[in-house]
Amino acid sequence: MEPTGSRQQRTLWEHLLQIAVVGFGLAVVASLASGIFYGLKAHNIPINFDFLTQSSNLHLTEGFTLTWNAGPEFKDFASSDNNLQAFILGLSNTLKVAFLGILFSTILGLLIGVGRVSKNWIVNRASLLFVELIRNTPLLV
């Protein structure tokens, strides 16, 4: 059994090491932010969100964007729309795809899981084959 003093000394060194690592991380982030700030300033690039009101000149064909004429309404995206509308369109498309992916993967997982515990030999082996083929397969394949 080790003495209590060395245990307290060890935890003190562990805390000091954690403080040093966090301090180093903050210094790296501050250095990167400073470099970005001075680089943008040197090239006369403003640091603001004015680009969101500029025309996007993007040709996006899937989905609708939100406009505020007499009130909020959805319309097809045009290349003359601003970058904020393009961002809203991209966000809504991302949320749609994520929702559908979660929904269908939950249904498929439930069906395969039930098939895996099934007493029917064909259903059980087909589910086992699916699980073994899909397991550890990278998502992008």
C-alpha atoms as a PDB file:
ATOM      1  CA  MET A   1       0.000   0.000   0.000  1.00  0.00           C
ATOM      2  CA  GLU A   2       1.404   3.354  -1.022  1.00  0.00           C
ATOM      3  CA  PRO A   3       1.574   6.296   1.372  1.00  0.00           C
ATOM      4  CA  THR A   4      -1.194   8.891   1.222  1.00  0.00           C
ATOM      5  CA  GLY A   5       1.216  11.744   0.516  1.00  0.00           C
ATOM      6  CA  SER A   6       2.453  10.257  -2.768  1.00  0.00           C
ATOM      7  CA  ARG A   7      -1.130   9.631  -3.888  1.00  0.00           C
ATOM      8  CA  GLN A   8      -2.019  13.273  -3.267  1.00  0.00           C
ATOM      9  CA  GLN A   9       1.144  14.348  -5.042  1.00  0.00           C
ATOM     10  CA  ARG A  10       0.282  12.137  -8.030  1.00  0.00           C
ATOM     11  CA  THR A  11      -3.232  13.562  -8.340  1.00  0.00           C
ATOM     12  CA  LEU A  12      -1.774  17.075  -8.085  1.00  0.00           C
ATOM     13  CA  TRP A  13       0.562  16.311 -11.006  1.00  0.00           C
ATOM     14  CA  GLU A  14      -2.336  14.803 -12.972  1.00  0.00           C
ATOM     15  CA  HIS A  15      -4.395  17.969 -12.452  1.00  0.00           C
ATOM     16  CA  LEU A  16      -1.456  20.175 -13.416  1.00  0.00           C
ATOM     17  CA  LEU A  17      -0.917  18.105 -16.560  1.00  0.00           C
ATOM     18  CA  GLN A  18      -4.598  18.456 -17.498  1.00  0.00           C
ATOM     19  CA  ILE A  19      -4.421  22.223 -16.956  1.00  0.00           C
ATOM     20  CA  ALA A  20      -1.290  22.395 -19.113  1.00  0.00           C
ATOM     21  CA  VAL A  21      -2.887  20.378 -21.941  1.00  0.00           C
ATOM     22  CA  VAL A  22      -6.046  22.526 -21.901  1.00  0.00           C
ATOM     23  CA  GLY A  23      -3.918  25.684 -21.812  1.00  0.00           C
ATOM     24  CA  PHE A  24      -1.875  24.455 -24.766  1.00  0.00           C
ATOM     25  CA  GLY A  25      -5.064  23.677 -26.708  1.00  0.00           C
ATOM     26  CA  LEU A  26      -6.447  27.146 -26.000  1.00  0.00           C
ATOM     27  CA  ALA A  27      -3.146  28.711 -27.081  1.00  0.00           C
ATOM     28  CA  VAL A  28      -3.281  26.784 -30.384  1.00  0.00           C
ATOM     29  CA  VAL A  29      -6.876  27.893 -31.018  1.00  0.00           C
ATOM     30  CA  ALA A  30      -5.992  31.518 -30.164  1.00  0.00           C
ATOM     31  CA  SER A  31      -2.986  31.400 -32.490  1.00  0.00           C
ATOM     32  CA  LEU A  32      -5.082  30.031 -35.364  1.00  0.00           C
ATOM     33  CA  ALA A  33      -7.828  32.608 -34.799  1.00  0.00           C
ATOM     34  CA  SER A  34      -5.257  35.399 -34.699  1.00  0.00           C
ATOM     35  CA  GLY A  35      -3.662  34.203 -37.952  1.00  0.00           C
ATOM     36  CA  ILE A  36      -7.046  34.048 -39.664  1.00  0.00           C
ATOM     37  CA  PHE A  37      -8.003  37.500 -38.402  1.00  0.00           C
ATOM     38  CA  TYR A  38      -4.772  39.168 -39.536  1.00  0.00           C
ATOM     39  CA  GLY A  39      -4.758  37.291 -42.859  1.00  0.00           C
ATOM     40  CA  LEU A  40      -8.275  38.459 -43.680  1.00  0.00           C
ATOM     41  CA  LYS A  41      -7.418  41.993 -42.595  1.00  0.00           C
ATOM     42  CA  ALA A  42      -4.279  42.013 -44.769  1.00  0.00           C
ATOM     43  CA  HIS A  43      -6.372  41.102 -47.841  1.00  0.00           C
ATOM     44  CA  ASN A  44      -9.128  43.624 -46.989  1.00  0.00           C
ATOM     45  CA  ILE A  45     -11.714  40.899 -46.486  1.00  0.00           C
ATOM     46  CA  PRO A  46     -14.339  42.033 -43.982  1.00  0.00           C
ATOM     47  CA  ILE A  47     -15.265  39.797 -41.085  1.00  0.00           C
ATOM     48  CA  ASN A  48     -19.066  39.943 -41.153  1.00  0.00           C
ATOM     49  CA  PHE A  49     -22.137  38.183 -42.498  1.00  0.00           C
ATOM     50  CA  ASP A  50     -22.839  40.499 -45.431  1.00  0.00           C
ATOM     51  CA  PHE A  51     -22.143  37.658 -47.859  1.00  0.00           C
ATOM     52  CA  LEU A  52     -25.453  36.087 -46.819  1.00  0.00           C
ATOM     53  CA  THR A  53     -27.373  38.855 -48.613  1.00  0.00           C
ATOM     54  CA  GLN A  54     -25.345  38.573 -51.835  1.00  0.00           C
ATOM     55  CA  SER A  55     -26.670  36.683 -54.857  1.00  0.00           C
ATOM     56  CA  SER A  56     -25.602  33.056 -54.709  1.00  0.00           C
ATOM     57  CA  ASN A  57     -25.397  32.273 -58.461  1.00  0.00           C
ATOM     58  CA  LEU A  58     -25.947  28.608 -57.546  1.00  0.00           C
ATOM     59  CA  HIS A  59     -28.089  26.253 -59.594  1.00  0.00           C
ATOM     60  CA  LEU A  60     -29.867  24.184 -56.933  1.00  0.00           C
ATOM     61  CA  THR A  61     -32.766  22.132 -58.247  1.00  0.00           C
ATOM     62  CA  GLU A  62     -33.892  20.044 -55.269  1.00  0.00           C
ATOM     63  CA  GLY A  63     -36.142  21.555 -52.628  1.00  0.00           C
ATOM     64  CA  PHE A  64     -37.706  24.847 -51.715  1.00  0.00           C
ATOM     65  CA  THR A  65     -36.413  27.932 -49.990  1.00  0.00           C
ATOM     66  CA  LEU A  66     -38.081  30.307 -47.577  1.00  0.00           C
ATOM     67  CA  THR A  67     -38.958  33.864 -48.640  1.00  0.00           C
ATOM     68  CA  TRP A  68     -40.540  36.741 -46.721  1.00  0.00           C
ATOM     69  CA  ASN A  69     -42.731  38.740 -49.124  1.00  0.00           C
ATOM     70  CA  ALA A  70     -46.090  39.364 -47.448  1.00  0.00           C
ATOM     71  CA  GLY A  71     -45.264  36.606 -44.996  1.00  0.00           C
ATOM     72  CA  PRO A  72     -43.253  33.422 -44.932  1.00  0.00           C
ATOM     73  CA  GLU A  73     -43.714  31.285 -48.039  1.00  0.00           C
ATOM     74  CA  PHE A  74     -41.826  28.526 -49.817  1.00  0.00           C
ATOM     75  CA  LYS A  75     -40.737  28.843 -53.447  1.00  0.00           C
ATOM     76  CA  ASP A  76     -38.413  27.148 -55.900  1.00  0.00           C
ATOM     77  CA  PHE A  77     -34.797  28.252 -55.588  1.00  0.00           C
ATOM     78  CA  ALA A  78     -33.455  30.549 -58.323  1.00  0.00           C
ATOM     79  CA  SER A  79     -29.802  31.405 -58.949  1.00  0.00           C
ATOM     80  CA  SER A  80     -30.613  35.054 -58.200  1.00  0.00           C
ATOM     81  CA  ASP A  81     -31.602  34.152 -54.606  1.00  0.00           C
ATOM     82  CA  ASN A  82     -29.176  35.070 -51.851  1.00  0.00           C
ATOM     83  CA  ASN A  83     -26.745  32.866 -49.965  1.00  0.00           C
ATOM     84  CA  LEU A  84     -28.946  32.728 -46.859  1.00  0.00           C
ATOM     85  CA  GLN A  85     -31.739  31.162 -48.908  1.00  0.00           C
ATOM     86  CA  ALA A  86     -29.234  28.691 -50.365  1.00  0.00           C
ATOM     87  CA  PHE A  87     -28.121  27.846 -46.824  1.00  0.00           C
ATOM     88  CA  ILE A  88     -31.751  27.303 -45.734  1.00  0.00           C
ATOM     89  CA  LEU A  89     -32.308  25.069 -48.769  1.00  0.00           C
ATOM     90  CA  GLY A  90     -29.199  23.004 -47.991  1.00  0.00           C
ATOM     91  CA  LEU A  91     -30.179  22.721 -44.344  1.00  0.00           C
ATOM     92  CA  SER A  92     -33.711  21.582 -45.178  1.00  0.00           C
ATOM     93  CA  ASN A  93     -32.417  19.009 -47.692  1.00  0.00           C
ATOM     94  CA  THR A  94     -29.932  17.711 -45.115  1.00  0.00           C
ATOM     95  CA  LEU A  95     -32.652  17.379 -42.494  1.00  0.00           C
ATOM     96  CA  LYS A  96     -34.934  15.569 -44.963  1.00  0.00           C
ATOM     97  CA  VAL A  97     -32.235  13.070 -45.909  1.00  0.00           C
ATOM     98  CA  ALA A  98     -31.236  12.540 -42.261  1.00  0.00           C
ATOM     99  CA  PHE A  99     -34.851  11.963 -41.207  1.00  0.00           C
ATOM    100  CA  LEU A 100     -35.494   9.480 -44.009  1.00  0.00           C
ATOM    101  CA  GLY A 101     -32.204   7.696 -43.329  1.00  0.00           C
ATOM    102  CA  ILE A 102     -32.989   7.334 -39.622  1.00  0.00           C
ATOM    103  CA  LEU A 103     -36.531   6.168 -40.368  1.00  0.00           C
ATOM    104  CA  PHE A 104     -35.588   3.526 -42.944  1.00  0.00           C
ATOM    105  CA  SER A 105     -32.540   2.269 -41.031  1.00  0.00           C
ATOM    106  CA  THR A 106     -34.662   1.888 -37.889  1.00  0.00           C
ATOM    107  CA  ILE A 107     -37.282  -0.113 -39.794  1.00  0.00           C
ATOM    108  CA  LEU A 108     -34.631  -2.257 -41.506  1.00  0.00           C
ATOM    109  CA  GLY A 109     -32.764  -2.826 -38.213  1.00  0.00           C
ATOM    110  CA  LEU A 110     -35.961  -3.821 -36.464  1.00  0.00           C
ATOM    111  CA  LEU A 111     -36.872  -6.284 -39.225  1.00  0.00           C
ATOM    112  CA  ILE A 112     -33.379  -7.807 -39.342  1.00  0.00           C
ATOM    113  CA  GLY A 113     -33.258  -8.020 -35.531  1.00  0.00           C
ATOM    114  CA  VAL A 114     -36.598  -9.794 -35.374  1.00  0.00           C
ATOM    115  CA  GLY A 115     -35.508 -12.060 -38.221  1.00  0.00           C
ATOM    116  CA  ARG A 116     -32.304 -12.859 -36.357  1.00  0.00           C
ATOM    117  CA  VAL A 117     -34.218 -14.266 -33.356  1.00  0.00           C
ATOM    118  CA  SER A 118     -36.816 -15.994 -35.536  1.00  0.00           C
ATOM    119  CA  LYS A 119     -37.285 -19.753 -35.230  1.00  0.00           C
ATOM    120  CA  ASN A 120     -37.763 -19.996 -39.003  1.00  0.00           C
ATOM    121  CA  TRP A 121     -34.426 -21.325 -40.302  1.00  0.00           C
ATOM    122  CA  ILE A 122     -34.522 -19.452 -43.645  1.00  0.00           C
ATOM    123  CA  VAL A 123     -35.418 -16.090 -42.090  1.00  0.00           C
ATOM    124  CA  ASN A 124     -32.818 -16.567 -39.341  1.00  0.00           C
ATOM    125  CA  ARG A 125     -30.016 -17.475 -41.780  1.00  0.00           C
ATOM    126  CA  ALA A 126     -30.960 -14.701 -44.228  1.00  0.00           C
ATOM    127  CA  SER A 127     -30.813 -12.189 -41.371  1.00  0.00           C
ATOM    128  CA  LEU A 128     -27.509 -13.666 -40.187  1.00  0.00           C
ATOM    129  CA  LEU A 129     -26.089 -13.396 -43.713  1.00  0.00           C
ATOM    130  CA  PHE A 130     -27.221  -9.771 -43.973  1.00  0.00           C
ATOM    131  CA  VAL A 131     -25.707  -8.892 -40.593  1.00  0.00           C
ATOM    132  CA  GLU A 132     -22.401 -10.602 -41.362  1.00  0.00           C
ATOM    133  CA  LEU A 133     -22.144  -8.986 -44.808  1.00  0.00           C
ATOM    134  CA  ILE A 134     -23.006  -5.490 -43.614  1.00  0.00           C
ATOM    135  CA  ARG A 135     -21.065  -5.525 -40.346  1.00  0.00           C
ATOM    136  CA  ASN A 136     -17.819  -3.558 -40.519  1.00  0.00           C
ATOM    137  CA  THR A 137     -18.548  -2.416 -44.068  1.00  0.00           C
ATOM    138  CA  PRO A 138     -17.647   1.258 -44.439  1.00  0.00           C
ATOM    139  CA  LEU A 139     -20.637   3.532 -44.858  1.00  0.00           C
ATOM    140  CA  LEU A 140     -19.459   4.988 -48.187  1.00  0.00           C
ATOM    141  CA  VAL A 141     -19.099   1.609 -49.904  1.00  0.00           C
END
